[in-house]
Protein backbone atom coordinates (compact mmCIF):
# COMPACT_ATOMS: atom_id res chain seq x y z
CA UNK A 1 0.00 0.00 0.00
CA UNK A 2 1.20 3.46 -0.77
CA UNK A 3 0.27 6.78 0.72
CA UNK A 4 -2.10 9.19 -1.00
CA UNK A 5 -0.71 12.01 -3.08
CA UNK A 6 0.62 14.94 -1.08
CA UNK A 7 -2.03 17.30 -2.42
CA UNK A 8 -4.80 15.17 -0.88
CA UNK A 9 -2.97 15.11 2.44
CA UNK A 10 -2.41 18.88 2.23
CA UNK A 11 -6.03 19.55 1.29
CA UNK A 12 -7.34 17.44 4.15
CA UNK A 13 -4.96 19.19 6.55
CA UNK A 14 -6.15 22.60 5.27
CA UNK A 15 -9.79 21.48 5.63
CA UNK A 16 -9.05 20.47 9.23
CA UNK A 17 -7.56 23.93 9.92
CA UNK A 18 -10.66 25.59 8.47
CA UNK A 19 -12.82 23.30 10.60
CA UNK A 20 -10.92 24.51 13.66
CA UNK A 21 -11.44 28.13 12.54
CA UNK A 22 -15.16 27.42 12.25
CA UNK A 23 -15.13 26.11 15.82
CA UNK A 24 -13.39 29.27 17.02
CA UNK A 25 -16.02 31.38 15.22
CA UNK A 26 -18.74 29.32 16.89
CA UNK A 27 -17.23 29.93 20.31
CA UNK A 28 -16.85 33.62 19.50
CA UNK A 29 -20.48 34.15 18.63
CA UNK A 30 -21.54 32.00 21.58
CA UNK A 31 -19.65 34.31 23.95
CA UNK A 32 -20.97 37.38 22.14
CA UNK A 33 -24.54 36.11 22.47
CA UNK A 34 -24.06 35.40 26.19
CA UNK A 35 -22.57 38.87 26.70
CA UNK A 36 -25.50 40.39 24.82
CA UNK A 37 -28.02 38.52 26.97
CA UNK A 38 -26.26 39.48 30.19
CA UNK A 39 -25.90 43.09 29.04
CA UNK A 40 -29.54 43.27 28.01
CA UNK A 41 -30.91 41.57 31.14
CA UNK A 42 -28.64 42.86 33.88
CA UNK A 43 -27.63 46.31 32.65
CA UNK A 44 -30.28 47.14 30.05
CA UNK A 45 -27.34 47.63 27.64
CA UNK A 46 -27.18 45.05 24.81
CA UNK A 47 -24.04 44.58 22.73
CA UNK A 48 -24.43 46.63 19.56
CA UNK A 49 -24.55 44.60 16.34
CA UNK A 50 -24.86 41.18 17.94
CA UNK A 51 -27.41 39.92 15.43
CA UNK A 52 -25.36 40.85 12.38
CA UNK A 53 -22.08 39.57 13.85
CA UNK A 54 -23.64 36.23 14.76
CA UNK A 55 -25.22 36.02 11.29
CA UNK A 56 -21.86 36.57 9.62
CA UNK A 57 -20.12 34.18 12.01
CA UNK A 58 -22.73 31.54 11.22
CA UNK A 59 -21.76 31.76 7.54
CA UNK A 60 -18.15 31.13 8.56
CA UNK A 61 -19.12 28.23 10.84
CA UNK A 62 -21.25 26.45 8.26
CA UNK A 63 -19.18 26.87 5.10
CA UNK A 64 -15.72 26.38 6.60
CA UNK A 65 -16.76 23.12 8.25
CA UNK A 66 -18.31 21.47 5.17
CA UNK A 67 -15.16 20.13 3.50
CA UNK A 68 -13.74 18.56 6.67
CA UNK A 69 -17.10 16.93 7.34
CA UNK A 70 -16.95 15.48 3.84
CA UNK A 71 -13.40 14.23 4.42
CA UNK A 72 -14.54 12.48 7.60
CA UNK A 73 -17.75 11.09 6.07
CA UNK A 74 -19.81 12.94 8.68
CA UNK A 75 -22.59 14.31 6.49
CA UNK A 76 -26.11 13.09 7.12
CA UNK A 77 -27.31 10.27 4.92
CA UNK A 78 -30.70 8.67 4.62
CA UNK A 79 -30.20 4.95 4.48
CA UNK A 80 -33.77 3.71 4.39
CA UNK A 81 -33.24 2.17 0.94
CA UNK A 82 -29.44 2.17 0.93
CA UNK A 83 -29.14 -0.48 3.65
CA UNK A 84 -31.47 -2.84 1.78
CA UNK A 85 -29.62 -3.01 -1.52
CA UNK A 86 -26.52 -4.94 -2.55
CA UNK A 87 -22.96 -3.66 -2.72
CA UNK A 88 -23.10 -2.85 -6.44
CA UNK A 89 -26.23 -0.75 -5.98
CA UNK A 90 -24.65 0.98 -2.96
CA UNK A 91 -21.58 1.79 -5.04
CA UNK A 92 -23.79 3.18 -7.82
CA UNK A 93 -25.87 5.24 -5.37
CA UNK A 94 -22.71 6.60 -3.74
CA UNK A 95 -21.22 7.68 -7.06
CA UNK A 96 -24.46 9.26 -8.31
CA UNK A 97 -25.07 11.15 -5.07
CA UNK A 98 -21.45 12.33 -4.96
CA UNK A 99 -21.62 13.53 -8.58
CA UNK A 100 -24.86 15.41 -7.88
CA UNK A 101 -23.25 16.93 -4.80
CA UNK A 102 -20.25 18.10 -6.84
CA UNK A 103 -22.44 19.78 -9.47
CA UNK A 104 -24.77 21.48 -6.97
CA UNK A 105 -22.05 22.63 -4.59
CA UNK A 106 -19.82 23.85 -7.43
CA UNK A 107 -22.76 25.93 -8.71
CA UNK A 108 -23.31 27.31 -5.20
CA UNK A 109 -19.62 28.22 -4.97
CA UNK A 110 -19.70 29.87 -8.39
CA UNK A 111 -22.79 31.91 -7.54
CA UNK A 112 -21.37 32.92 -4.15
CA UNK A 113 -18.16 34.07 -5.84
CA UNK A 114 -20.09 36.30 -8.24
CA UNK A 115 -22.28 37.56 -5.40
CA UNK A 116 -19.08 38.44 -3.52
CA UNK A 117 -17.81 40.35 -6.56
CA UNK A 118 -21.08 42.32 -6.69
CA UNK A 119 -20.82 43.06 -2.94
CA UNK A 120 -17.23 44.19 -3.38
CA UNK A 121 -18.15 46.47 -6.28
CA UNK A 122 -21.17 47.97 -4.53
CA UNK A 123 -19.49 48.36 -1.14
CA UNK A 124 -22.38 46.64 0.65
CA UNK A 125 -21.97 46.73 4.44
CA UNK A 126 -23.74 45.59 7.56
CA UNK A 127 -26.15 48.24 8.87
CA UNK A 128 -24.86 48.54 12.46
CA UNK A 129 -21.14 47.76 12.40
CA UNK A 130 -20.49 48.85 8.80
CA UNK A 131 -18.56 45.67 8.05
CA UNK A 132 -18.27 44.77 4.37
CA UNK A 133 -20.18 41.66 3.31
CA UNK A 134 -17.77 40.52 0.60
CA UNK A 135 -15.14 38.79 2.81
CA UNK A 136 -17.82 36.57 4.32
CA UNK A 137 -19.33 35.79 0.93
CA UNK A 138 -15.90 34.88 -0.46
CA UNK A 139 -15.26 32.66 2.59
CA UNK A 140 -18.55 30.90 1.88
CA UNK A 141 -17.54 30.47 -1.77
CA UNK A 142 -14.16 29.05 -0.71
CA UNK A 143 -15.83 26.67 1.73
CA UNK A 144 -18.25 25.43 -0.92
CA UNK A 145 -15.43 25.01 -3.46
CA UNK A 146 -13.39 22.98 -0.97
CA UNK A 147 -16.45 20.86 -0.21
CA UNK A 148 -16.88 20.15 -3.94
CA UNK A 149 -13.16 19.34 -4.28
CA UNK A 150 -13.31 17.00 -1.27
CA UNK A 151 -16.26 15.25 -2.90
CA UNK A 152 -14.28 14.89 -6.15
CA UNK A 153 -11.52 13.23 -4.12
CA UNK A 154 -14.12 10.97 -2.51
CA UNK A 155 -15.34 9.86 -5.97
CA UNK A 156 -11.81 9.22 -7.22
CA UNK A 157 -10.92 7.21 -4.13
CA UNK A 158 -14.17 5.28 -4.34
CA UNK A 159 -13.52 4.43 -8.01
CA UNK A 160 -10.03 3.16 -7.06
CA UNK A 161 -11.51 1.02 -4.29
CA UNK A 162 -9.63 2.98 -1.61
CA UNK A 163 -11.02 4.09 1.76
CA UNK A 164 -12.88 7.37 1.30
CA UNK A 165 -13.16 8.72 4.84
CA UNK A 166 -10.27 10.39 6.62
CA UNK A 167 -11.63 8.71 9.77
CA UNK A 168 -11.01 5.26 8.28
CA UNK A 169 -8.59 3.21 10.41
CA UNK A 170 -6.42 2.46 7.36
CA UNK A 171 -5.39 6.12 7.15
CA UNK A 172 -2.22 7.54 8.60
CA UNK A 173 -2.10 10.25 11.26
CA UNK A 174 -2.07 13.20 8.85
CA UNK A 175 -5.15 12.19 6.89
CA UNK A 176 -3.34 10.56 3.98
CA UNK A 177 -5.05 7.59 2.44
CA UNK A 178 -3.08 4.40 2.13
CA UNK A 179 -3.98 2.89 -1.20
Foldseek 3Di string as FASTA:
>chain_A
DAWADPVQLVLLLQLVVLQVVLVVLVVVLVVLVVQQVCCCPVVVHGDWPSVVSNVLSVLSNPLSNQLNCLQAVNDDDDCPPVVVDDPVVVLVVLLVVLVVLLVVLLVQLVVLLVVLVVQVVVLDADDTPRHGPNVSSNSNSVSSNSNSVLSVQLNVCVVVVWDRHLPDPCHDPSSITGD
